[in-house]
Every structure is written in C-alpha cells, then in structure tokens.
C-alpha cells in the first residue's frame, strides 16, 4: 500500500531555538555515555529484530550494558515517487522499533540519503549508455553497469524538502498519529525511545555517490567507465565530493531538524555520522573535520536551492574505523590520526562554531577490523572506552554522550571480527540463535563497559 502526501511539510518557524536545544543537551549531563550495539538493515537483519533470535541477542546486550540498537533506513524505500510513501517500509520500521523496546533497548534510526530516482542527480538517472532509465525508488538499470554506492540527492530545494517530509512521515508513524500518511498503526507513541541520525557517512562516495569521476567527468561518458567500477584514462575514482556537497547536506540536516522540532517536539536529531578519515575535496572521501566545518559555514547557492540558515541539529555524530595510517585497526591515542586526536579536533572546531558548548557528540559507528585476533580487537575497543570515559565525562563543552559499537552479532563467518561478533555458536549451520554463547573476550569487555563514567 502506498499513500500520497498532497503537500510537503515546510516548517514556518522553529519551535525551539538553538539556545533551547543547548540547554536540553546540558540537562542530559556528561556523566553517562549511552552504549549501543549492532545494526539492522533492509538487506541484513543482523540484530534479528524480525525473528525470535532477538531474544537471545538481548541477553548479551544486557551483559554489555547496551541501552540501544541501530537500524538504517534508505530514503528511497520511504518515498519511491515524489510525495508517495511506501507503507510497508514504515510499518516495518515501526515493528522493529517495538521489538527493540520490548527487548529493553531504545533505537537509533539512520535515515540514509540514498535518493529515490526522482530526486537523484542527472548523472545517476542515466545508464551506462547515457540514457535515462526511468525508474522509481532505489531502482538501478536492468542491464549494464552502474556506480556502486547510494545515489546522492540533486542540488535543489525540492530534494531537501522531500527528504525532510519523509522524515516527518516517519516521526508521525512512530508517534502513532491517527491517519498518518505512512500508513502505520496509530495509537502508540514510541518517540521517547527513538534517536535519529540524518545521513550516514555522506563524506564517503559509497554513501554519497555523485556519479562524477574525480576529474569532474560524468561516469557514463565515452571512454570513462571501467567495469571494475572506477574511472579510467586518468580520471580518478568515482564519487567525487566537493564543498557544494557539504553545503547541500547541511541544508538537508538543518531543514530536517527544524521539521522534527517544530512539528513533533523531537530534539534528538544528529548531523551525520560523518566518517572521520582524512582526505581532500574533489575525491570520494574528504576529511571528516573539514567536512563538518564546511557544513557549519555552508555557502549559499541561490542558483541551485533556497538557503535556510541555522544549525538546528541537536547532536553531531561521528564514525570511526581505522586510523594512524592503518585502515584495519582503530587506535585510541599515541599516533597521528588517532581517534582521540580526531575527537579533539572536532570539539575544538565546534567550540568555534557554536554559541555555547552544549551540543553533544554521538559516536554512532565504531569499527575495528580485528587485526591480530579477537583478543587484540577487544583490547583496542576496551582502551577506546576507557579513553572516552576518562577524557570526556563531566566536560563542560561538547561531551560525548553515546558510543555505538558496530556491528553484531552473527558469529558465523569470515567477517566475524570486523562485525564485532561477540557471540559464538555450537550449531554448525548457525541457524539456531539459542545455541549462541558469548566469547570470553567480550564477556570481559562487558565488565569494563559497566563502569561508565565513575
């Protein structure tokens, strides 16, 4: 079932000012860091929110002192055509949220900027022959090649307004509004258990695919495209990201947060998570701190979209994975490019950009590929946790109030380490979650997580 929204949700005024949001942040306090694990997506329900396996998962979430889990929802699944909402997407998110709450967990929902066909850039509405393939939703050409990654929204006012309206439809769904346009079951307000992340690593070409080579040429131009999904003849990688992209994402996040505040009284909207790696503008992975700084100082582009001033998001969300020249491990400190160094850079930048220090930092993605084995991985994660709680608990400005460990929990495979698979199985087919038991390394890690900000 699909429902059409006849008019976009455009906030005429912001219900809460920037200072109101900052005061709210400070009331939350810097003396507790929320702990989360895992991520469920529409292609991989790794948390088992759809089946009985979640009951087993929650036992170990409790041991790890987790208070929330994570799901990712692509915009293209929510609004496959302009103003048309896919109710099956919203009702599934509503069901996942209810399952998480029943298991004693709140839920962080990332709304990916994966643009539906109608809102994509011209280059991503075309196939490898340069022809429009006229699709809907998350569609790709039926034949031929196409760039990997989530297509970025077009440069337009309409694009960010449609994204904001889709998020508004989700909030109405989760608030249980009667007659909500998403087609969700009305009556139960779940919003007190929900946190929102606007975008997911939009400074990385895999999650903000522009359809441009680093040279600036479009991917489908003659003599450009390789079947290995890169650009040839010296045109660089695919997915070039420029300062204008950060400007547009800033508009999306600001506008969406204004809708959440004005129409739903909802003040847990984060900017990001921004991937905290190094890189340059004009590549497919610009530097995370520079990207956030550009969002705060975003430039108006009246020829492309209507600029809405403000920094209405309530949190700034960061993702970490790799560091100090090693993409496989995430060191806390002691080298150039460490996690602590990057956090301090962001906090210093925010102190310059914000009127006060109340806007908290969420770490909504913490990865470590597991080099050296499970014990080495859990040791690094434990060191990170101790570093965060010893360095940022009780700080007066821009405290860290969330750490979400990615990902979890299936213990079955070669990807076990990078996914922080803290469970093991005695079931060869790995089909029975009841057979899962915790690995000792992560049992020990749970004892450390228990201490939080003491």
Protein backbone atom coordinates (compact mmCIF):
# COMPACT_ATOMS: atom_id res chain seq x y z
CA UNK A 1 0.00 0.00 0.00
CA UNK A 2 1.28 3.48 -0.85
CA UNK A 3 -0.02 6.79 0.44
CA UNK A 4 0.34 10.16 -1.30
CA UNK A 5 1.15 13.29 0.67
CA UNK A 6 -0.53 16.24 -1.01
CA UNK A 7 1.74 18.93 0.39
CA UNK A 8 5.23 18.95 1.83
CA UNK A 9 5.84 19.61 5.50
CA UNK A 10 7.51 23.01 5.50
CA UNK A 11 8.24 24.47 8.94
CA UNK A 12 7.20 28.13 9.06
CA UNK A 13 9.02 28.69 12.34
CA UNK A 14 11.42 26.77 14.51
CA UNK A 15 9.69 25.56 17.63
CA UNK A 16 12.81 25.61 19.77
CA UNK A 17 15.71 27.99 19.41
CA UNK A 18 19.36 26.98 19.28
CA UNK A 19 19.79 28.03 22.92
CA UNK A 20 16.84 25.85 23.95
CA UNK A 21 18.45 22.84 22.32
CA UNK A 22 21.77 23.57 24.01
CA UNK A 23 20.15 23.78 27.43
CA UNK A 24 18.46 20.46 26.80
CA UNK A 25 21.83 18.94 25.97
CA UNK A 26 23.34 20.16 29.21
CA UNK A 27 20.46 18.75 31.21
CA UNK A 28 21.22 15.32 29.78
CA UNK A 29 24.56 15.54 31.55
CA UNK A 30 28.02 14.49 30.56
CA UNK A 31 28.33 11.91 33.32
CA UNK A 32 26.85 8.99 31.44
CA UNK A 33 27.66 7.61 28.00
CA UNK A 34 24.97 5.63 26.23
CA UNK A 35 26.13 2.27 24.87
CA UNK A 36 24.75 0.67 21.73
CA UNK A 37 25.50 -2.28 19.50
CA UNK A 38 24.63 -3.60 16.12
CA UNK A 39 22.79 -2.56 13.02
CA UNK A 40 19.81 -3.97 11.15
CA UNK A 41 19.16 -3.01 7.54
CA UNK A 42 16.55 -3.99 4.99
CA UNK A 43 19.08 -6.32 3.38
CA UNK A 44 20.60 -7.75 6.56
CA UNK A 45 18.62 -8.08 9.79
CA UNK A 46 21.79 -8.73 11.78
CA UNK A 47 20.06 -7.93 15.07
CA UNK A 48 17.28 -10.44 14.37
CA UNK A 49 14.61 -7.84 15.07
CA UNK A 50 12.38 -9.76 12.67
CA UNK A 51 12.56 -13.12 14.46
CA UNK A 52 12.98 -14.91 17.77
CA UNK A 53 16.75 -14.53 17.63
CA UNK A 54 16.50 -11.05 19.14
CA UNK A 55 15.51 -12.58 22.48
CA UNK A 56 18.92 -14.30 22.55
CA UNK A 57 20.74 -11.20 21.36
CA UNK A 58 19.22 -9.09 24.14
CA UNK A 59 20.71 -11.35 26.82
CA UNK A 60 24.19 -10.41 25.67
CA UNK A 61 23.25 -6.80 25.04
CA UNK A 62 22.28 -6.69 28.71
CA UNK A 63 25.67 -8.10 29.69
CA UNK A 64 27.36 -5.43 27.59
CA UNK A 65 25.21 -2.74 29.23
CA UNK A 66 23.70 -1.70 25.91
CA UNK A 67 20.70 0.61 26.02
CA UNK A 68 20.07 0.95 22.27
CA UNK A 69 20.40 -0.76 18.92
CA UNK A 70 20.67 0.69 15.43
CA UNK A 71 18.78 0.44 12.16
CA UNK A 72 19.38 2.07 8.78
CA UNK A 73 16.50 3.15 6.55
CA UNK A 74 17.12 4.43 2.99
CA UNK A 75 15.12 7.44 1.84
CA UNK A 76 14.47 5.69 -1.50
CA UNK A 77 12.49 2.98 0.32
CA UNK A 78 10.40 5.54 2.17
CA UNK A 79 9.40 7.74 -0.79
CA UNK A 80 9.76 5.82 -4.06
CA UNK A 81 7.91 8.53 -6.02
CA UNK A 82 7.54 12.20 -5.23
CA UNK A 83 5.06 12.55 -2.38
CA UNK A 84 4.23 8.83 -2.39
CA UNK A 85 5.10 6.87 0.76
CA UNK A 86 5.67 3.13 0.84
CA UNK A 87 3.72 1.98 3.89
CA UNK A 88 5.46 -1.41 4.05
CA UNK A 89 8.74 0.39 4.78
CA UNK A 90 7.28 2.48 7.59
CA UNK A 91 5.34 -0.35 9.18
CA UNK A 92 8.47 -2.49 9.23
CA UNK A 93 10.41 0.27 10.96
CA UNK A 94 7.55 0.61 13.43
CA UNK A 95 7.66 -3.14 14.10
CA UNK A 96 11.46 -3.12 14.55
CA UNK A 97 11.15 -0.22 16.97
CA UNK A 98 8.53 -2.07 19.01
CA UNK A 99 10.70 -5.20 19.04
CA UNK A 100 13.71 -3.23 20.28
CA UNK A 101 11.68 -1.60 23.05
CA UNK A 102 10.24 -4.96 24.10
CA UNK A 103 13.83 -6.20 24.41
CA UNK A 104 14.75 -3.32 26.70
CA UNK A 105 16.54 -1.28 24.01
CA UNK A 106 15.95 2.15 22.57
CA UNK A 107 16.67 2.56 18.88
CA UNK A 108 18.91 4.80 16.78
CA UNK A 109 17.48 5.21 13.26
CA UNK A 110 19.78 6.40 10.50
CA UNK A 111 17.91 7.91 7.56
CA UNK A 112 20.28 7.31 4.66
CA UNK A 113 20.35 9.98 1.96
CA UNK A 114 20.05 7.27 -0.74
CA UNK A 115 17.96 9.34 -3.14
CA UNK A 116 14.93 7.87 -4.91
CA UNK A 117 15.14 8.03 -8.68
CA UNK A 118 13.04 11.20 -8.97
CA UNK A 119 15.40 13.13 -6.63
CA UNK A 120 18.78 11.96 -7.99
CA UNK A 121 21.30 13.95 -9.92
CA UNK A 122 21.01 13.79 -13.67
CA UNK A 123 24.14 11.62 -13.99
CA UNK A 124 22.58 8.94 -11.76
CA UNK A 125 19.30 8.87 -13.65
CA UNK A 126 21.21 7.53 -16.67
CA UNK A 127 22.51 4.09 -17.63
CA UNK A 128 25.99 3.31 -18.93
CA UNK A 129 24.91 4.42 -22.41
CA UNK A 130 23.92 7.84 -21.10
CA UNK A 131 20.19 7.16 -21.50
CA UNK A 132 17.57 7.88 -18.82
CA UNK A 133 16.35 4.54 -17.46
CA UNK A 134 13.19 5.95 -15.82
CA UNK A 135 12.93 4.01 -12.57
CA UNK A 136 11.39 4.52 -9.14
CA UNK A 137 12.60 4.20 -5.57
CA UNK A 138 16.01 2.59 -5.20
CA UNK A 139 15.98 1.32 -8.78
CA UNK A 140 19.02 0.76 -11.00
CA UNK A 141 19.26 -0.01 -14.72
CA UNK A 142 18.07 -3.51 -15.55
CA UNK A 143 21.10 -4.13 -17.74
CA UNK A 144 24.66 -2.86 -17.88
CA UNK A 145 26.80 -1.37 -15.15
CA UNK A 146 26.07 1.42 -12.68
CA UNK A 147 28.17 3.13 -9.99
CA UNK A 148 28.26 1.47 -6.60
CA UNK A 149 27.04 3.39 -3.59
CA UNK A 150 23.96 5.34 -2.57
CA UNK A 151 22.98 7.94 -5.20
CA UNK A 152 23.26 11.49 -3.85
CA UNK A 153 20.32 13.90 -4.00
CA UNK A 154 20.16 16.52 -6.73
CA UNK A 155 21.10 20.11 -5.96
CA UNK A 156 17.63 21.53 -5.38
CA UNK A 157 15.24 22.90 -2.78
CA UNK A 158 12.77 20.19 -3.76
CA UNK A 159 15.25 17.44 -2.89
CA UNK A 160 15.87 18.54 0.68
CA UNK A 161 12.19 19.35 1.21
CA UNK A 162 11.18 15.85 0.10
CA UNK A 163 13.80 14.29 2.38
CA UNK A 164 12.56 16.35 5.34
CA UNK A 165 8.95 15.46 4.60
CA UNK A 166 9.85 11.75 4.52
CA UNK A 167 11.46 12.03 7.94
CA UNK A 168 8.37 13.88 9.14
CA UNK A 169 6.23 11.00 7.89
CA UNK A 170 8.40 8.58 9.87
CA UNK A 171 8.09 10.63 13.06
CA UNK A 172 4.30 10.74 12.64
CA UNK A 173 4.33 6.97 12.18
CA UNK A 174 6.38 6.39 15.32
CA UNK A 175 4.28 8.87 17.29
CA UNK A 176 1.24 6.82 16.38
CA UNK A 177 -0.62 9.70 14.76
CA UNK A 178 -4.12 8.85 13.64
CA UNK A 179 -4.35 8.88 9.85
CA UNK A 180 -0.59 9.24 9.42
CA UNK A 181 0.48 9.37 5.77
CA UNK A 182 2.89 6.45 6.26
CA UNK A 183 0.03 4.03 6.89
CA UNK A 184 1.34 2.93 10.30
CA UNK A 185 -0.81 1.54 13.07
CA UNK A 186 -1.94 4.53 15.16
CA UNK A 187 -2.17 4.87 18.90
CA UNK A 188 1.21 4.12 20.48
CA UNK A 189 3.79 6.91 20.80
CA UNK A 190 7.27 5.39 20.52
CA UNK A 191 9.24 8.60 20.07
CA UNK A 192 10.67 8.72 23.60
CA UNK A 193 12.67 5.58 22.68
CA UNK A 194 13.94 6.92 19.32
CA UNK A 195 17.05 8.81 18.22
CA UNK A 196 17.63 9.97 14.64
CA UNK A 197 20.77 10.23 12.55
CA UNK A 198 20.40 12.29 9.36
CA UNK A 199 22.66 10.76 6.74
CA UNK A 200 25.27 8.06 7.09
CA UNK A 201 28.88 8.83 6.09
CA UNK A 202 27.88 11.35 3.45
CA UNK A 203 31.53 12.38 3.10
CA UNK A 204 32.28 8.98 1.53
CA UNK A 205 31.45 8.09 -2.06
CA UNK A 206 29.88 4.77 -1.08
CA UNK A 207 27.14 6.61 0.81
CA UNK A 208 27.02 9.81 -1.26
CA UNK A 209 27.56 8.68 -4.83
CA UNK A 210 27.66 11.70 -7.12
CA UNK A 211 28.18 9.89 -10.42
CA UNK A 212 31.26 12.01 -11.12
CA UNK A 213 34.83 10.92 -11.53
CA UNK A 214 37.43 12.79 -9.53
CA UNK A 215 38.31 14.59 -12.76
CA UNK A 216 34.78 16.02 -12.82
CA UNK A 217 33.59 13.99 -15.80
CA UNK A 218 30.38 12.01 -15.62
CA UNK A 219 30.70 8.28 -15.20
CA UNK A 220 28.86 7.30 -18.41
CA UNK A 221 30.84 9.48 -20.82
CA UNK A 222 32.59 7.64 -23.65
CA UNK A 223 35.97 6.25 -22.66
CA UNK A 224 35.48 6.92 -18.94
CA UNK A 225 33.93 3.89 -17.27
CA UNK A 226 35.75 0.72 -16.21
CA UNK A 227 33.89 -2.47 -15.41
CA UNK A 228 35.79 -2.55 -12.10
CA UNK A 229 33.65 0.46 -11.16
CA UNK A 230 36.30 3.14 -11.36
CA UNK A 231 37.08 5.81 -13.94
CA UNK A 232 39.85 5.15 -16.46
CA UNK A 233 42.27 7.21 -18.54
CA UNK A 234 43.45 9.19 -15.54
CA UNK A 235 40.01 10.34 -14.40
CA UNK A 236 40.38 9.03 -10.84
CA UNK A 237 37.90 7.25 -8.59
CA UNK A 238 34.14 7.51 -8.89
CA UNK A 239 32.14 9.56 -6.37
CA UNK A 240 33.81 12.98 -6.33
CA UNK A 241 32.64 15.08 -3.35
CA UNK A 242 33.03 18.86 -3.36
CA UNK A 243 32.33 21.62 -0.81
CA UNK A 244 28.99 22.17 -2.55
CA UNK A 245 28.01 18.65 -1.48
CA UNK A 246 28.67 19.52 2.15
CA UNK A 247 26.61 22.69 1.67
CA UNK A 248 23.66 20.64 0.40
CA UNK A 249 23.95 18.07 3.17
CA UNK A 250 23.98 20.90 5.71
CA UNK A 251 20.71 22.17 4.24
CA UNK A 252 19.22 18.67 4.45
CA UNK A 253 20.21 18.18 8.09
CA UNK A 254 19.19 21.67 9.18
CA UNK A 255 15.81 21.57 7.43
CA UNK A 256 15.04 18.07 8.73
CA UNK A 257 15.88 19.03 12.31
CA UNK A 258 13.63 22.09 12.02
CA UNK A 259 10.72 19.87 10.99
CA UNK A 260 11.42 17.50 13.89
CA UNK A 261 11.45 20.40 16.36
CA UNK A 262 8.54 22.42 15.01
CA UNK A 263 6.08 19.67 14.15
CA UNK A 264 6.98 16.88 16.57
CA UNK A 265 8.77 18.44 19.55
CA UNK A 266 11.57 15.96 18.84
CA UNK A 267 15.08 17.06 19.81
CA UNK A 268 17.30 14.01 19.27
CA UNK A 269 18.40 14.65 15.69
CA UNK A 270 22.06 14.23 14.86
CA UNK A 271 24.11 15.59 11.98
CA UNK A 272 25.91 12.65 10.44
CA UNK A 273 27.53 10.32 11.21
CA UNK A 274 30.46 11.80 9.43
CA UNK A 275 33.26 9.36 8.66
CA UNK A 276 36.36 10.62 10.49
CA UNK A 277 39.01 9.84 7.95
CA UNK A 278 41.46 12.09 6.13
CA UNK A 279 41.14 13.14 2.51
CA UNK A 280 40.77 16.05 0.14
CA UNK A 281 37.91 17.87 -1.55
CA UNK A 282 37.43 16.62 -5.08
CA UNK A 283 37.97 13.00 -4.04
CA UNK A 284 35.46 10.40 -2.87
CA UNK A 285 36.45 10.80 0.80
CA UNK A 286 37.08 14.38 2.01
CA UNK A 287 38.40 14.90 5.53
CA UNK A 288 35.75 14.49 8.23
CA UNK A 289 36.59 17.56 10.33
CA UNK A 290 36.85 19.82 7.28
CA UNK A 291 33.54 18.45 6.02
CA UNK A 292 31.74 19.30 9.29
CA UNK A 293 33.36 22.72 9.39
CA UNK A 294 32.11 23.41 5.87
CA UNK A 295 28.59 22.38 6.87
CA UNK A 296 28.65 24.93 9.69
CA UNK A 297 29.94 27.65 7.33
CA UNK A 298 27.96 26.45 4.34
CA UNK A 299 27.79 28.72 1.34
CA UNK A 300 24.53 29.85 -0.20
CA UNK A 301 23.79 28.64 -3.73
CA UNK A 302 20.71 30.63 -4.83
CA UNK A 303 21.05 29.26 -8.36
CA UNK A 304 20.62 25.72 -7.04
CA UNK A 305 18.46 25.82 -3.91
CA UNK A 306 16.89 28.08 -1.31
CA UNK A 307 19.22 28.51 1.64
CA UNK A 308 17.73 28.07 5.14
CA UNK A 309 20.11 29.42 7.79
CA UNK A 310 20.82 27.70 11.08
CA UNK A 311 22.44 24.69 12.73
CA UNK A 312 19.27 23.10 14.07
CA UNK A 313 20.62 19.57 14.56
CA UNK A 314 20.84 18.60 18.23
CA UNK A 315 23.96 16.40 18.13
CA UNK A 316 27.00 15.90 15.94
CA UNK A 317 27.53 12.24 15.05
CA UNK A 318 30.91 10.73 14.15
CA UNK A 319 32.01 7.38 12.72
CA UNK A 320 35.43 5.84 13.29
CA UNK A 321 37.16 2.97 11.54
CA UNK A 322 40.91 2.75 11.07
CA UNK A 323 43.47 5.38 11.91
CA UNK A 324 47.15 6.30 12.07
CA UNK A 325 47.72 5.01 8.56
CA UNK A 326 46.15 1.60 9.22
CA UNK A 327 42.63 1.08 7.80
CA UNK A 328 42.16 -2.16 9.74
CA UNK A 329 42.55 -1.06 13.35
CA UNK A 330 41.24 1.88 15.35
CA UNK A 331 43.83 3.10 17.87
CA UNK A 332 42.71 5.37 20.67
CA UNK A 333 45.80 7.55 21.08
CA UNK A 334 49.55 7.87 20.62
CA UNK A 335 49.83 8.45 16.87
CA UNK A 336 48.86 10.97 14.23
CA UNK A 337 45.28 10.39 13.13
CA UNK A 338 44.23 8.57 16.29
CA UNK A 339 40.63 8.53 17.42
CA UNK A 340 41.31 10.89 20.33
CA UNK A 341 43.12 13.36 18.10
CA UNK A 342 40.19 13.48 15.70
CA UNK A 343 37.64 13.89 18.51
CA UNK A 344 39.65 16.76 19.96
CA UNK A 345 39.85 18.39 16.52
CA UNK A 346 36.07 18.23 16.15
CA UNK A 347 35.46 19.55 19.66
CA UNK A 348 37.83 22.47 19.05
CA UNK A 349 36.09 23.24 15.77
CA UNK A 350 32.65 23.10 17.43
CA UNK A 351 33.77 25.48 20.16
CA UNK A 352 34.49 27.99 17.41
CA UNK A 353 31.21 27.40 15.55
CA UNK A 354 28.65 27.10 18.38
CA UNK A 355 27.43 29.83 20.73
CA UNK A 356 27.88 27.51 23.69
CA UNK A 357 29.25 24.07 24.35
CA UNK A 358 26.02 22.24 24.95
CA UNK A 359 25.72 20.31 21.69
CA UNK A 360 26.84 16.76 22.44
CA UNK A 361 28.84 14.38 20.25
CA UNK A 362 27.49 10.95 19.43
CA UNK A 363 29.82 8.24 18.17
CA UNK A 364 27.28 6.33 16.11
CA UNK A 365 29.71 3.95 14.42
CA UNK A 366 32.84 2.46 15.97
CA UNK A 367 34.52 -0.19 13.84
CA UNK A 368 37.73 -2.17 14.11
CA UNK A 369 38.54 -4.84 11.53
CA UNK A 370 40.05 -7.17 14.09
CA UNK A 371 43.68 -7.41 13.00
CA UNK A 372 45.58 -9.53 15.47
CA UNK A 373 42.59 -11.60 16.51
CA UNK A 374 39.64 -11.30 18.84
CA UNK A 375 41.61 -10.52 21.96
CA UNK A 376 43.51 -7.73 20.24
CA UNK A 377 40.27 -6.30 18.90
CA UNK A 378 38.50 -6.34 22.25
CA UNK A 379 41.61 -4.84 23.90
CA UNK A 380 41.53 -1.91 21.46
CA UNK A 381 37.81 -1.37 21.97
CA UNK A 382 38.27 -1.53 25.73
CA UNK A 383 41.08 1.03 25.52
CA UNK A 384 38.83 3.33 23.47
CA UNK A 385 36.04 3.06 26.03
CA UNK A 386 38.39 3.80 28.91
CA UNK A 387 39.82 6.74 26.98
CA UNK A 388 36.39 8.23 26.29
CA UNK A 389 35.16 7.91 29.85
CA UNK A 390 38.38 9.23 31.36
CA UNK A 391 38.72 12.16 28.94
CA UNK A 392 35.18 13.39 28.30
CA UNK A 393 32.99 12.53 31.28
CA UNK A 394 31.97 15.71 33.05
CA UNK A 395 33.45 18.07 30.45
CA UNK A 396 31.77 21.46 30.20
CA UNK A 397 31.53 21.61 26.40
CA UNK A 398 30.59 19.12 23.69
CA UNK A 399 30.55 15.97 25.82
CA UNK A 400 30.45 12.52 24.26
CA UNK A 401 27.14 11.01 25.31
CA UNK A 402 26.91 7.95 23.06
CA UNK A 403 29.14 5.17 21.75
CA UNK A 404 27.58 2.70 19.33
CA UNK A 405 29.76 -0.32 18.57
CA UNK A 406 29.30 -1.67 15.06
CA UNK A 407 28.09 -4.24 14.29
CA UNK A 408 26.69 -7.57 15.62
CA UNK A 409 26.02 -10.36 16.31
CA UNK A 410 26.07 -13.38 13.98
CA UNK A 411 29.09 -15.48 14.92
CA UNK A 412 29.23 -17.48 11.74
CA UNK A 413 31.69 -16.19 9.27
CA UNK A 414 34.88 -14.73 7.93
CA UNK A 415 33.51 -11.27 8.65
CA UNK A 416 33.17 -12.16 12.32
CA UNK A 417 35.95 -9.87 13.53
CA UNK A 418 35.08 -6.72 11.63
CA UNK A 419 31.46 -7.14 12.67
CA UNK A 420 32.41 -7.46 16.34
CA UNK A 421 30.77 -10.85 16.53
CA UNK A 422 30.86 -11.26 20.29
CA UNK A 423 28.91 -14.49 20.20
CA UNK A 424 29.99 -17.95 19.12
CA UNK A 425 27.87 -20.88 18.05
CA UNK A 426 27.85 -24.62 18.59
CA UNK A 427 25.40 -25.02 15.72
CA UNK A 428 27.32 -25.83 12.53
CA UNK A 429 24.60 -24.38 10.33
CA UNK A 430 24.35 -21.29 12.54
CA UNK A 431 20.58 -21.37 12.24
CA UNK A 432 19.62 -21.55 15.90
CA UNK A 433 20.31 -18.38 17.91
CA UNK A 434 19.62 -20.35 21.10
CA UNK A 435 22.94 -22.12 20.54
CA UNK A 436 24.93 -18.88 20.67
CA UNK A 437 27.17 -18.25 23.65
CA UNK A 438 29.37 -15.25 24.46
CA UNK A 439 33.06 -15.20 23.65
CA UNK A 440 35.21 -14.71 26.73
CA UNK A 441 36.98 -11.65 25.30
CA UNK A 442 33.71 -9.78 25.03
CA UNK A 443 32.43 -11.01 28.37
CA UNK A 444 35.49 -9.33 29.84
CA UNK A 445 34.76 -6.21 27.80
CA UNK A 446 31.28 -6.09 29.32
CA UNK A 447 32.77 -5.82 32.80
CA UNK A 448 34.70 -2.72 31.67
CA UNK A 449 31.66 -1.15 30.00
CA UNK A 450 29.78 -1.47 33.28
CA UNK A 451 31.89 1.24 34.88
CA UNK A 452 30.83 4.04 32.52
CA UNK A 453 31.54 7.50 33.96
CA UNK A 454 32.58 6.71 37.51
